[in-house]
C-alpha atoms as a PDB file:
ATOM      1  CA  MET A   1     -18.565  -6.494 -19.705  1.00  0.00           C
ATOM      2  CA  ALA A   2     -17.981  -6.319 -15.955  1.00  0.00           C
ATOM      3  CA  ARG A   3     -15.193  -4.812 -13.937  1.00  0.00           C
ATOM      4  CA  ILE A   4     -13.907  -5.672 -10.501  1.00  0.00           C
ATOM      5  CA  ALA A   5     -12.630  -3.483  -7.687  1.00  0.00           C
ATOM      6  CA  LYS A   6      -8.902  -2.801  -7.824  1.00  0.00           C
ATOM      7  CA  VAL A   7      -6.247  -2.612  -5.127  1.00  0.00           C
ATOM      8  CA  ALA A   8      -2.962  -0.908  -6.038  1.00  0.00           C
ATOM      9  CA  CYS A   9       0.046  -2.962  -4.931  1.00  0.00           C
ATOM     10  CA  PHE A  10       3.506  -1.559  -4.176  1.00  0.00           C
ATOM     11  CA  HIS A  11       6.491  -3.912  -3.885  1.00  0.00           C
ATOM     12  CA  GLY A  12       9.304  -3.737  -1.350  1.00  0.00           C
ATOM     13  CA  GLY A  13      12.591  -1.917  -1.867  1.00  0.00           C
ATOM     14  CA  GLY A  14      14.873  -3.729  -4.303  1.00  0.00           C
ATOM     15  CA  SER A  15      12.049  -5.740  -5.863  1.00  0.00           C
ATOM     16  CA  ASN A  16       9.528  -5.220  -8.667  1.00  0.00           C
ATOM     17  CA  SER A  17       5.919  -5.714  -9.649  1.00  0.00           C
ATOM     18  CA  GLU A  18       6.507  -9.193 -11.100  1.00  0.00           C
ATOM     19  CA  VAL A  19       8.152 -10.430  -7.915  1.00  0.00           C
ATOM     20  CA  PHE A  20       5.374  -9.015  -5.731  1.00  0.00           C
ATOM     21  CA  ASN A  21       2.784 -10.587  -8.018  1.00  0.00           C
ATOM     22  CA  ILE A  22       4.388 -13.999  -7.506  1.00  0.00           C
ATOM     23  CA  GLN A  23       4.703 -13.453  -3.751  1.00  0.00           C
ATOM     24  CA  ALA A  24       1.028 -12.527  -3.413  1.00  0.00           C
ATOM     25  CA  ILE A  25      -0.469 -14.889  -6.019  1.00  0.00           C
ATOM     26  CA  ARG A  26      -1.955 -17.307  -3.487  1.00  0.00           C
ATOM     27  CA  LEU A  27      -3.662 -14.456  -1.641  1.00  0.00           C
ATOM     28  CA  GLN A  28      -4.914 -13.048  -4.948  1.00  0.00           C
ATOM     29  CA  ASN A  29      -6.411 -16.399  -5.919  1.00  0.00           C
ATOM     30  CA  ILE A  30      -8.376 -16.553  -2.672  1.00  0.00           C
ATOM     31  CA  VAL A  31      -9.860 -13.040  -2.953  1.00  0.00           C
ATOM     32  CA  ALA A  32     -10.165 -12.939  -6.758  1.00  0.00           C
ATOM     33  CA  LYS A  33     -13.975 -12.810  -6.706  1.00  0.00           C
ATOM     34  CA  GLU A  34     -13.917  -9.627  -4.635  1.00  0.00           C
ATOM     35  CA  ILE A  35     -10.831  -7.668  -5.677  1.00  0.00           C
ATOM     36  CA  GLU A  36      -8.058  -7.533  -8.259  1.00  0.00           C
ATOM     37  CA  PHE A  37      -4.476  -6.758  -7.275  1.00  0.00           C
ATOM     38  CA  VAL A  38      -2.712  -4.414  -9.708  1.00  0.00           C
ATOM     39  CA  TYR A  39       1.071  -4.120  -9.380  1.00  0.00           C
ATOM     40  CA  PHE A  40       3.350  -1.138  -9.994  1.00  0.00           C
ATOM     41  CA  ASN A  41       7.109  -0.567 -10.220  1.00  0.00           C
ATOM     42  CA  GLY A  42       9.088   1.981  -8.240  1.00  0.00           C
ATOM     43  CA  PRO A  43      10.986   4.702 -10.141  1.00  0.00           C
ATOM     44  CA  PHE A  44      14.553   4.023  -8.941  1.00  0.00           C
ATOM     45  CA  GLU A  45      16.650   1.081 -10.139  1.00  0.00           C
ATOM     46  CA  SER A  46      18.132  -0.732  -7.166  1.00  0.00           C
ATOM     47  CA  ASN A  47      20.095  -3.706  -5.965  1.00  0.00           C
ATOM     48  CA  ALA A  48      18.019  -6.671  -4.838  1.00  0.00           C
ATOM     49  CA  GLY A  49      16.367  -6.098  -1.477  1.00  0.00           C
ATOM     50  CA  PRO A  50      15.805  -8.362   1.551  1.00  0.00           C
ATOM     51  CA  GLY A  51      14.472 -11.805   0.700  1.00  0.00           C
ATOM     52  CA  VAL A  52      14.644 -11.308  -3.073  1.00  0.00           C
ATOM     53  CA  LEU A  53      17.734 -13.418  -3.698  1.00  0.00           C
ATOM     54  CA  PRO A  54      18.290 -16.174  -4.584  1.00  0.00           C
ATOM     55  CA  ALA A  55      14.660 -17.034  -5.317  1.00  0.00           C
ATOM     56  CA  PHE A  56      14.181 -14.169  -7.775  1.00  0.00           C
ATOM     57  CA  GLU A  57      17.671 -13.738  -9.180  1.00  0.00           C
ATOM     58  CA  ASP A  58      16.334 -14.026 -12.753  1.00  0.00           C
ATOM     59  CA  TYR A  59      13.598 -11.429 -12.276  1.00  0.00           C
ATOM     60  CA  GLY A  60      15.592  -8.188 -12.431  1.00  0.00           C
ATOM     61  CA  PRO A  61      15.875  -5.320 -12.820  1.00  0.00           C
ATOM     62  CA  TYR A  62      14.822  -4.361  -9.325  1.00  0.00           C
ATOM     63  CA  TRP A  63      13.313  -1.061  -8.241  1.00  0.00           C
ATOM     64  CA  SER A  64      12.848   1.093  -5.158  1.00  0.00           C
ATOM     65  CA  TRP A  65      10.426   3.824  -4.135  1.00  0.00           C
ATOM     66  CA  ILE A  66      13.177   5.813  -2.399  1.00  0.00           C
ATOM     67  CA  LYS A  67      16.225   7.164  -4.249  1.00  0.00           C
ATOM     68  CA  ASN A  68      18.553   6.729  -1.293  1.00  0.00           C
ATOM     69  CA  ARG A  69      18.174   3.229   0.147  1.00  0.00           C
ATOM     70  CA  GLU A  70      19.763   4.463   3.384  1.00  0.00           C
ATOM     71  CA  LEU A  71      16.565   6.466   3.914  1.00  0.00           C
ATOM     72  CA  SER A  72      14.369   3.422   3.363  1.00  0.00           C
ATOM     73  CA  TRP A  73      12.751   3.712   6.795  1.00  0.00           C
ATOM     74  CA  SER A  74      13.159   7.490   7.221  1.00  0.00           C
ATOM     75  CA  ALA A  75      11.182  10.557   6.215  1.00  0.00           C
ATOM     76  CA  ASP A  76      11.335  11.103   2.463  1.00  0.00           C
ATOM     77  CA  ASP A  77       8.994  12.278  -0.291  1.00  0.00           C
ATOM     78  CA  GLY A  78      10.193   9.842  -2.952  1.00  0.00           C
ATOM     79  CA  SER A  79      11.264  12.609  -5.327  1.00  0.00           C
ATOM     80  CA  GLY A  80      14.327  12.699  -7.567  1.00  0.00           C
ATOM     81  CA  PHE A  81      13.054  10.667 -10.511  1.00  0.00           C
ATOM     82  CA  ASP A  82      12.308  13.574 -12.884  1.00  0.00           C
ATOM     83  CA  ALA A  83      13.583  17.045 -13.710  1.00  0.00           C
ATOM     84  CA  ALA A  84      10.393  18.674 -12.451  1.00  0.00           C
ATOM     85  CA  GLY A  85      10.996  17.545  -8.867  1.00  0.00           C
ATOM     86  CA  SER A  86       7.713  15.650  -8.625  1.00  0.00           C
ATOM     87  CA  ASP A  87       7.276  13.690  -5.427  1.00  0.00           C
ATOM     88  CA  GLY A  88       6.535   9.987  -5.121  1.00  0.00           C
ATOM     89  CA  LEU A  89       2.858  10.374  -4.265  1.00  0.00           C
ATOM     90  CA  HIS A  90       2.223  12.565  -7.312  1.00  0.00           C
ATOM     91  CA  ARG A  91       3.729   9.792  -9.433  1.00  0.00           C
ATOM     92  CA  ALA A  92       1.720   7.096  -7.634  1.00  0.00           C
ATOM     93  CA  TRP A  93      -1.625   8.846  -8.149  1.00  0.00           C
ATOM     94  CA  LYS A  94      -0.783   9.271 -11.839  1.00  0.00           C
ATOM     95  CA  MET A  95       0.087   5.591 -12.193  1.00  0.00           C
ATOM     96  CA  LEU A  96      -3.302   4.606 -10.816  1.00  0.00           C
ATOM     97  CA  GLU A  97      -5.066   7.099 -13.045  1.00  0.00           C
ATOM     98  CA  TYR A  98      -3.335   5.800 -16.164  1.00  0.00           C
ATOM     99  CA  ARG A  99      -4.129   2.156 -15.356  1.00  0.00           C
ATOM    100  CA  ALA A 100      -7.867   2.372 -14.603  1.00  0.00           C
ATOM    101  CA  PRO A 101     -10.718   4.834 -13.912  1.00  0.00           C
ATOM    102  CA  LYS A 102     -10.377   6.575 -10.576  1.00  0.00           C
ATOM    103  CA  GLN A 103     -13.621   5.111  -9.247  1.00  0.00           C
ATOM    104  CA  ASP A 104     -12.337   1.549  -9.696  1.00  0.00           C
ATOM    105  CA  TRP A 105      -9.602   1.968  -7.075  1.00  0.00           C
ATOM    106  CA  ILE A 106     -10.818   0.996  -3.623  1.00  0.00           C
ATOM    107  CA  GLY A 107      -7.612   0.250  -1.736  1.00  0.00           C
ATOM    108  CA  VAL A 108      -3.847  -0.066  -1.556  1.00  0.00           C
ATOM    109  CA  MET A 109      -1.466  -2.818  -0.473  1.00  0.00           C
ATOM    110  CA  GLY A 110       2.224  -2.467   0.223  1.00  0.00           C
ATOM    111  CA  PHE A 111       5.005  -4.835   1.171  1.00  0.00           C
ATOM    112  CA  SER A 112       7.990  -3.629   3.226  1.00  0.00           C
ATOM    113  CA  GLN A 113       9.110  -0.267   1.755  1.00  0.00           C
ATOM    114  CA  GLY A 114       5.988  -0.311  -0.410  1.00  0.00           C
ATOM    115  CA  THR A 115       3.862   0.244   2.709  1.00  0.00           C
ATOM    116  CA  ARG A 116       5.274   3.768   2.769  1.00  0.00           C
ATOM    117  CA  VAL A 117       3.696   4.470  -0.613  1.00  0.00           C
ATOM    118  CA  ALA A 118       0.427   2.766   0.331  1.00  0.00           C
ATOM    119  CA  GLY A 119       0.210   4.652   3.620  1.00  0.00           C
ATOM    120  CA  GLY A 120       1.213   7.885   1.928  1.00  0.00           C
ATOM    121  CA  LEU A 121      -1.707   7.660  -0.479  1.00  0.00           C
ATOM    122  CA  LEU A 122      -4.134   7.083   2.391  1.00  0.00           C
ATOM    123  CA  LEU A 123      -2.719  10.018   4.342  1.00  0.00           C
ATOM    124  CA  ASP A 124      -2.718  12.262   1.277  1.00  0.00           C
ATOM    125  CA  GLN A 125      -6.380  11.464   0.633  1.00  0.00           C
ATOM    126  CA  GLN A 126      -7.142  12.203   4.280  1.00  0.00           C
ATOM    127  CA  ARG A 127      -5.399  15.564   4.086  1.00  0.00           C
ATOM    128  CA  ARG A 128      -7.150  16.463   0.843  1.00  0.00           C
ATOM    129  CA  SER A 129     -10.493  15.617   2.422  1.00  0.00           C
ATOM    130  CA  ALA A 130      -9.716  17.860   5.403  1.00  0.00           C
ATOM    131  CA  ARG A 131      -9.001  20.713   2.982  1.00  0.00           C
ATOM    132  CA  ASN A 132     -11.986  19.890   0.767  1.00  0.00           C
ATOM    133  CA  GLU A 133      -9.597  19.374  -2.145  1.00  0.00           C
ATOM    134  CA  PRO A 134     -10.416  15.874  -3.439  1.00  0.00           C
ATOM    135  CA  ASN A 135      -8.599  14.468  -6.460  1.00  0.00           C
ATOM    136  CA  GLY A 136     -11.328  12.090  -7.601  1.00  0.00           C
ATOM    137  CA  PHE A 137     -10.050   8.970  -5.845  1.00  0.00           C
ATOM    138  CA  ASN A 138     -11.901   7.330  -2.979  1.00  0.00           C
ATOM    139  CA  LEU A 139      -9.619   4.756  -1.397  1.00  0.00           C
ATOM    140  CA  ARG A 140     -11.406   2.856   1.338  1.00  0.00           C
ATOM    141  CA  PHE A 141      -8.690   0.769   2.993  1.00  0.00           C
ATOM    142  CA  GLY A 142      -5.033  -0.226   3.094  1.00  0.00           C
ATOM    143  CA  ILE A 143      -3.147  -3.496   3.622  1.00  0.00           C
ATOM    144  CA  MET A 144       0.354  -3.115   5.073  1.00  0.00           C
ATOM    145  CA  CYS A 145       2.501  -6.256   4.849  1.00  0.00           C
ATOM    146  CA  MET A 146       5.764  -6.534   6.799  1.00  0.00           C
ATOM    147  CA  GLY A 147       6.046  -2.752   6.682  1.00  0.00           C
ATOM    148  CA  GLY A 148       8.143  -0.064   8.256  1.00  0.00           C
ATOM    149  CA  GLY A 149       8.875   3.638   8.115  1.00  0.00           C
ATOM    150  CA  SER A 150       6.732   6.726   7.777  1.00  0.00           C
ATOM    151  CA  PRO A 151       4.189   7.236   4.998  1.00  0.00           C
ATOM    152  CA  LEU A 152       5.577   9.121   2.016  1.00  0.00           C
ATOM    153  CA  VAL A 153       4.603  12.770   2.098  1.00  0.00           C
ATOM    154  CA  THR A 154       3.642  15.099  -0.699  1.00  0.00           C
ATOM    155  CA  LYS A 155       5.238  18.517  -1.004  1.00  0.00           C
ATOM    156  CA  GLN A 156       1.982  20.223  -1.950  1.00  0.00           C
ATOM    157  CA  TYR A 157      -0.298  19.269   0.928  1.00  0.00           C
ATOM    158  CA  LYS A 158       1.198  20.103   4.297  1.00  0.00           C
ATOM    159  CA  PRO A 159      -0.934  20.300   7.446  1.00  0.00           C
ATOM    160  CA  THR A 160      -2.183  23.731   8.465  1.00  0.00           C
ATOM    161  CA  ASP A 161      -1.037  25.198  11.787  1.00  0.00           C
ATOM    162  CA  GLY A 162      -4.270  24.076  13.405  1.00  0.00           C
ATOM    163  CA  GLN A 163      -3.954  20.588  12.020  1.00  0.00           C
ATOM    164  CA  ALA A 164      -0.300  20.352  13.023  1.00  0.00           C
ATOM    165  CA  ALA A 165      -1.327  21.132  16.597  1.00  0.00           C
ATOM    166  CA  ASN A 166      -3.701  18.172  16.557  1.00  0.00           C
ATOM    167  CA  ALA A 167      -1.576  15.078  17.154  1.00  0.00           C
ATOM    168  CA  ASN A 168      -4.294  12.811  15.769  1.00  0.00           C
ATOM    169  CA  PHE A 169      -4.336  14.549  12.402  1.00  0.00           C
ATOM    170  CA  GLU A 170      -1.242  12.710  11.272  1.00  0.00           C
ATOM    171  CA  LEU A 171      -2.700   9.344  12.250  1.00  0.00           C
ATOM    172  CA  ILE A 172      -4.221   7.534   9.294  1.00  0.00           C
ATOM    173  CA  THR A 173      -7.845   6.826  10.157  1.00  0.00           C
ATOM    174  CA  LEU A 174      -8.954   4.942   7.048  1.00  0.00           C
ATOM    175  CA  PRO A 175      -9.307   1.231   7.903  1.00  0.00           C
ATOM    176  CA  THR A 176      -6.066  -0.730   7.584  1.00  0.00           C
ATOM    177  CA  LEU A 177      -4.856  -4.288   8.038  1.00  0.00           C
ATOM    178  CA  HIS A 178      -1.274  -4.831   9.195  1.00  0.00           C
ATOM    179  CA  LEU A 179       0.545  -8.124   8.617  1.00  0.00           C
ATOM    180  CA  HIS A 180       3.537  -8.724  10.925  1.00  0.00           C
ATOM    181  CA  GLY A 181       5.855 -11.701  10.835  1.00  0.00           C
ATOM    182  CA  LEU A 182       7.077 -12.737  14.270  1.00  0.00           C
ATOM    183  CA  LYS A 183      10.257 -14.117  12.666  1.00  0.00           C
ATOM    184  CA  ASP A 184      10.780 -11.026  10.522  1.00  0.00           C
ATOM    185  CA  GLU A 185      14.091  -9.316  11.252  1.00  0.00           C
ATOM    186  CA  TYR A 186      12.346  -5.986  10.589  1.00  0.00           C
ATOM    187  CA  LEU A 187       9.407  -6.661  12.916  1.00  0.00           C
ATOM    188  CA  GLY A 188      10.314  -3.682  15.099  1.00  0.00           C
ATOM    189  CA  HIS A 189       9.927  -1.349  12.119  1.00  0.00           C
ATOM    190  CA  GLY A 190       6.473  -2.721  11.405  1.00  0.00           C
ATOM    191  CA  ARG A 191       5.333  -2.343  14.987  1.00  0.00           C
ATOM    192  CA  ARG A 192       6.604   1.234  15.166  1.00  0.00           C
ATOM    193  CA  GLN A 193       4.932   2.045  11.862  1.00  0.00           C
ATOM    194  CA  LYS A 194       1.533   0.861  13.060  1.00  0.00           C
ATOM    195  CA  GLU A 195       1.824   2.551  16.452  1.00  0.00           C
ATOM    196  CA  SER A 196       3.140   5.850  15.074  1.00  0.00           C
ATOM    197  CA  TYR A 197       1.057   6.477  11.966  1.00  0.00           C
ATOM    198  CA  TYR A 198      -2.216   4.536  12.208  1.00  0.00           C
ATOM    199  CA  SER A 199      -5.209   5.025  14.453  1.00  0.00           C
ATOM    200  CA  PRO A 200      -5.619   2.109  16.879  1.00  0.00           C
ATOM    201  CA  GLU A 201      -9.381   2.405  16.425  1.00  0.00           C
ATOM    202  CA  THR A 202      -9.288   1.640  12.685  1.00  0.00           C
ATOM    203  CA  SER A 203      -6.208  -0.572  12.292  1.00  0.00           C
ATOM    204  CA  THR A 204      -6.218  -4.359  12.646  1.00  0.00           C
ATOM    205  CA  LEU A 205      -3.148  -6.480  13.384  1.00  0.00           C
ATOM    206  CA  CYS A 206      -2.498  -9.956  12.006  1.00  0.00           C
ATOM    207  CA  GLU A 207       0.622 -11.699  13.335  1.00  0.00           C
ATOM    208  CA  ILE A 208       2.008 -14.898  11.823  1.00  0.00           C
ATOM    209  CA  GLU A 209       5.012 -17.104  12.590  1.00  0.00           C
ATOM    210  CA  TYR A 210       6.859 -16.117   9.431  1.00  0.00           C
ATOM    211  CA  HIS A 211       9.840 -14.210   8.119  1.00  0.00           C
ATOM    212  CA  HIS A 212      10.046 -11.120   5.850  1.00  0.00           C
ATOM    213  CA  ALA A 213       7.751 -12.472   3.145  1.00  0.00           C
ATOM    214  CA  MET A 214       4.119 -12.732   2.114  1.00  0.00           C
ATOM    215  CA  PRO A 215       2.258 -15.589   3.835  1.00  0.00           C
ATOM    216  CA  TRP A 216       2.525 -18.913   2.046  1.00  0.00           C
ATOM    217  CA  ASN A 217       1.442 -21.540   4.570  1.00  0.00           C
ATOM    218  CA  GLN A 218      -2.220 -22.439   4.132  1.00  0.00           C
ATOM    219  CA  GLU A 219      -3.198 -21.748   7.738  1.00  0.00           C
ATOM    220  CA  ASP A 220      -1.643 -18.288   7.606  1.00  0.00           C
ATOM    221  CA  LEU A 221      -3.204 -17.619   4.209  1.00  0.00           C
ATOM    222  CA  ASP A 222      -6.660 -18.626   5.385  1.00  0.00           C
ATOM    223  CA  ARG A 223      -6.504 -16.317   8.394  1.00  0.00           C
ATOM    224  CA  PHE A 224      -5.007 -13.381   6.513  1.00  0.00           C
ATOM    225  CA  SER A 225      -7.304 -13.687   3.493  1.00  0.00           C
ATOM    226  CA  ALA A 226     -10.348 -13.822   5.782  1.00  0.00           C
ATOM    227  CA  LEU A 227      -9.260 -10.509   7.296  1.00  0.00           C
ATOM    228  CA  VAL A 228      -8.707  -9.031   3.828  1.00  0.00           C
ATOM    229  CA  LYS A 229     -12.224 -10.071   2.810  1.00  0.00           C
ATOM    230  CA  LYS A 230     -13.639  -8.648   6.031  1.00  0.00           C
ATOM    231  CA  LEU A 231     -11.849  -5.356   5.390  1.00  0.00           C
ATOM    232  CA  TYR A 232     -13.330  -5.276   1.900  1.00  0.00           C
ATOM    233  CA  GLU A 233     -16.858  -6.030   3.129  1.00  0.00           C
ATOM    234  CA  ASP A 234     -16.713  -3.637   6.075  1.00  0.00           C
ATOM    235  CA  THR A 235     -15.716  -0.726   3.839  1.00  0.00           C
ATOM    236  CA  ARG A 236     -17.960  -1.569   0.930  1.00  0.00           C
ATOM    237  CA  GLU A 237     -20.055   1.247  -0.477  1.00  0.00           C
ATOM    238  CA  SER A 238     -23.121   0.651  -2.584  1.00  0.00           C
ATOM    239  CA  SER A 239     -22.408   3.803  -4.573  1.00  0.00           C
ATOM    240  CA  VAL A 240     -19.111   2.428  -5.877  1.00  0.00           C
ATOM    241  CA  VAL A 241     -19.003  -0.049  -8.774  1.00  0.00           C
ATOM    242  CA  SER A 242     -16.646  -2.475  -7.123  1.00  0.00           C
ATOM    243  CA  ASP A 243     -17.352  -6.080  -7.993  1.00  0.00           C
ATOM    244  CA  SER A 244     -17.958  -8.351 -10.914  1.00  0.00           C
ATOM    245  CA  THR A 245     -21.671  -8.577 -10.195  1.00  0.00           C
ATOM    246  CA  LYS A 246     -22.228  -4.905 -11.078  1.00  0.00           C
ATOM    247  CA  PRO A 247     -22.340  -3.986 -14.739  1.00  0.00           C
ATOM    248  CA  MET A 248     -19.974  -1.470 -16.243  1.00  0.00           C
ATOM    249  CA  SER A 249     -21.679   1.684 -17.411  1.00  0.00           C
ATOM    250  CA  THR A 250     -21.429   2.421 -21.104  1.00  0.00           C
END
C-alpha cells in the first residue's frame, strides 16, 4: 500500500474544513498525483466570514483560528481554546501528528486567516531549527492564498537576544507561494504579509484577476497549479517518502 505526500490546509476565518475542501477541489484534482490536501478546523466557533455566504449557508458551523475576530490580522498566538492555555501552533502540530506520521507532512496551505497558521508553522520550524530543537516534522514549503496578518507565534519558542537583533531572523525563508487576487478587498493585507514576513529570495508571487476566493477559472487554475507543482518539485527530497510511487515501509 502506497502513501502520498500531505499538505495541511487551514481555512479562512469564519469557515471550516469542508468549505475549504470545496473551494480548493479543482486545484486538488490537478495536483492529486503529487500531493494530498488534508483539511483542519479552527478551534473557535464563529460567524460566517468573508465570501462564505450565501454559497455555503448550509455548511455551518463555522470556525476561526483566532478567538477575537477583531484581532484577525493582528499579533495573536491563537490561545484560549483550553484550560491549559495552549497556543494555536501547539494545537496545529498536534492535529497533524494525530492525522498522519510526521514524515508524511511536506507542506502547509492557508486561505485568508488560515495563512497565519500556515506561516506560523513554517516560522516555528525555522526557530526550532535555529535552536537545534526539532519536533520531528520537516515541512518544505507553504502556499499562502489571499492571506493577511502576521504568522501565529508560539509562547514557548521566542527569539534569543541575538536572533532578535537580526532583522532577517523573523523572515520566513522556507520556500513559499503567495496567491493574491487583484480584485480582493483584502489585497493590501496580503501584500503587507508577504513583504513583512517572507524572504523575497524564497517567496513567489502569483497574481490573478479575482476576488477573495480560491481560483476557479481554468486559466488561473492552470497557472497557479503549475506553480504549486514547481514548488513541490523544487523542494523535493529523495530521503522523504512523499509520493505514490514510493512504497510504504512495513
